[in-house]
Amino acid sequence: MFAKIEVNGDAACELYQFLKAGNPDEEGNEDIGWNFTKFLVGVDGQVLARYGPKAAPEEIEPALADHL
């Protein structure tokens, strides 16, 4: 549970491969450039949005209300 995992490259863990696929950052990159990148995932398991490391919870809150 606390083992180090890869989030980018060929050895990226399957979870991060799924989260990043088709969900680029604001610069068009799918790779995660820094810690604290956030993904909003719907009840069906699909990625609804990706937020950068500097996104505050207050920025994400309106999107949450749309998916309750």
Protein backbone atom coordinates (compact mmCIF):
# COMPACT_ATOMS: atom_id res chain seq x y z
CA MET A 1 0.00 0.00 0.00
CA PHE A 2 2.84 2.40 0.65
CA ALA A 3 5.25 1.20 -2.01
CA LYS A 4 6.57 3.70 -4.49
CA ILE A 5 4.88 3.51 -7.89
CA GLU A 6 5.58 5.08 -11.24
CA VAL A 7 3.02 7.53 -12.61
CA ASN A 8 4.66 8.28 -15.97
CA GLY A 9 6.46 6.31 -18.63
CA ASP A 10 6.32 2.67 -19.67
CA ALA A 11 6.35 1.43 -16.06
CA ALA A 12 3.43 3.63 -14.95
CA CYS A 13 0.93 1.89 -12.69
CA GLU A 14 -2.31 0.87 -14.44
CA LEU A 15 -4.40 3.31 -12.38
CA TYR A 16 -2.37 6.31 -13.56
CA GLN A 17 -2.31 5.03 -17.13
CA PHE A 18 -6.12 4.98 -17.01
CA LEU A 19 -6.47 8.39 -15.33
CA LYS A 20 -4.13 10.13 -17.76
CA ALA A 21 -5.36 8.50 -20.99
CA GLY A 22 -7.24 11.13 -22.96
CA ASN A 23 -7.09 13.61 -20.07
CA PRO A 24 -4.22 15.99 -20.77
CA ASP A 25 -3.28 18.93 -18.56
CA GLU A 26 -3.82 22.54 -19.61
CA GLU A 27 -0.67 22.38 -21.75
CA GLY A 28 -1.81 19.23 -23.59
CA ASN A 29 0.48 16.80 -21.74
CA GLU A 30 -0.93 13.55 -20.40
CA ASP A 31 2.07 12.93 -18.14
CA ILE A 32 1.82 14.12 -14.56
CA GLY A 33 4.41 16.83 -14.08
CA TRP A 34 4.11 17.33 -10.35
CA ASN A 35 2.51 15.92 -7.20
CA PHE A 36 -1.02 16.85 -6.28
CA THR A 37 -2.54 16.56 -9.75
CA LYS A 38 -6.21 15.80 -9.09
CA PHE A 39 -8.71 13.77 -11.10
CA LEU A 40 -12.48 13.96 -10.68
CA VAL A 41 -13.91 10.50 -11.32
CA GLY A 42 -17.63 9.85 -11.77
CA VAL A 43 -19.70 7.11 -10.19
CA ASP A 44 -19.27 5.10 -13.38
CA GLY A 45 -15.48 5.19 -12.98
CA GLN A 46 -14.85 7.55 -15.89
CA VAL A 47 -12.59 10.58 -15.55
CA LEU A 48 -14.70 13.75 -15.62
CA ALA A 49 -11.96 16.35 -15.16
CA ARG A 50 -8.30 16.84 -14.40
CA TYR A 51 -7.00 19.62 -12.17
CA GLY A 52 -3.45 20.87 -11.81
CA PRO A 53 -1.41 20.82 -8.62
CA LYS A 54 -2.32 24.41 -7.73
CA ALA A 55 -6.09 23.89 -8.03
CA ALA A 56 -7.77 24.58 -4.71
CA PRO A 57 -10.71 22.50 -3.48
CA GLU A 58 -12.90 25.58 -3.94
CA GLU A 59 -12.18 25.43 -7.69
CA ILE A 60 -13.32 21.81 -7.87
CA GLU A 61 -16.45 22.19 -5.75
CA PRO A 62 -18.72 23.51 -8.55
CA ALA A 63 -17.92 20.46 -10.68
CA LEU A 64 -18.79 18.16 -7.79
CA ALA A 65 -22.26 19.68 -7.51
CA ASP A 66 -22.89 18.86 -11.18
CA HIS A 67 -22.27 15.14 -10.53
CA LEU A 68 -24.11 14.42 -7.29
